[in-house]
Amino acid sequence: MVKSCFWLFCEFIAVIFFGISMSLELVEDMLAIIHSFSSRLYGLKKYKKQVKQMIKENP
């Protein structure tokens, strides 16, 4: 693999950060997932309002 990278003029850079424990990283990932889904649900509210408005206009 290193040989193929040499011919493709690219390099690997490994970044190892020991400042965050595994459990803290897991908590941060879970919070990011929850934030993503809550934002998506908030965005769907406008479509719910539009559907309700269309139903009121066309009974």
Protein backbone atom coordinates (compact mmCIF):
# COMPACT_ATOMS: atom_id res chain seq x y z
CA MET A 1 0.00 0.00 0.00
CA VAL A 2 2.81 2.40 0.78
CA LYS A 3 4.33 1.57 -2.60
CA SER A 4 1.10 2.46 -4.44
CA CYS A 5 0.87 5.73 -2.51
CA PHE A 6 4.43 6.57 -3.49
CA TRP A 7 3.54 6.27 -7.16
CA LEU A 8 0.36 8.31 -6.67
CA PHE A 9 2.28 11.12 -4.90
CA CYS A 10 0.21 11.00 -1.74
CA GLU A 11 1.06 10.50 1.90
CA PHE A 12 -0.62 9.18 5.01
CA ILE A 13 -0.90 11.36 8.06
CA ALA A 14 -1.98 9.66 11.28
CA VAL A 15 -3.32 11.92 14.00
CA ILE A 16 -3.49 10.37 17.43
CA PHE A 17 -5.11 12.49 20.11
CA PHE A 18 -5.03 11.14 23.63
CA GLY A 19 -6.85 14.06 25.27
CA ILE A 20 -10.34 12.55 25.16
CA SER A 21 -11.31 9.30 26.82
CA MET A 22 -13.33 6.72 24.93
CA SER A 23 -16.42 7.29 27.06
CA LEU A 24 -16.30 11.07 26.55
CA GLU A 25 -15.92 10.57 22.81
CA LEU A 26 -18.93 8.22 22.84
CA VAL A 27 -21.02 10.82 24.72
CA GLU A 28 -20.04 13.52 22.22
CA ASP A 29 -21.01 11.25 19.31
CA MET A 30 -24.37 10.45 20.90
CA LEU A 31 -25.09 14.15 21.49
CA ALA A 32 -24.25 14.89 17.86
CA ILE A 33 -26.69 12.19 16.70
CA ILE A 34 -29.46 13.49 18.99
CA HIS A 35 -28.85 17.05 17.78
CA SER A 36 -29.04 15.92 14.15
CA PHE A 37 -32.37 14.12 14.61
CA SER A 38 -33.90 16.92 16.68
CA SER A 39 -32.97 19.43 13.99
CA ARG A 40 -34.55 17.21 11.38
CA LEU A 41 -37.77 16.96 13.39
CA TYR A 42 -37.83 20.72 13.87
CA GLY A 43 -37.50 21.15 10.10
CA LEU A 44 -40.45 18.82 9.51
CA LYS A 45 -42.76 21.07 11.56
CA LYS A 46 -43.12 23.51 8.68
CA TYR A 47 -44.39 20.73 6.41
CA LYS A 48 -46.91 19.73 9.05
CA LYS A 49 -48.17 23.32 9.15
CA GLN A 50 -48.38 23.43 5.36
CA VAL A 51 -50.42 20.21 5.24
CA LYS A 52 -52.81 21.51 7.91
CA GLN A 53 -53.23 24.75 5.98
CA MET A 54 -53.96 22.86 2.74
CA ILE A 55 -56.57 20.72 4.50
CA LYS A 56 -58.29 23.83 5.88
CA GLU A 57 -58.34 25.48 2.44
CA ASN A 58 -59.61 22.39 0.58
CA PRO A 59 -62.04 20.47 2.82
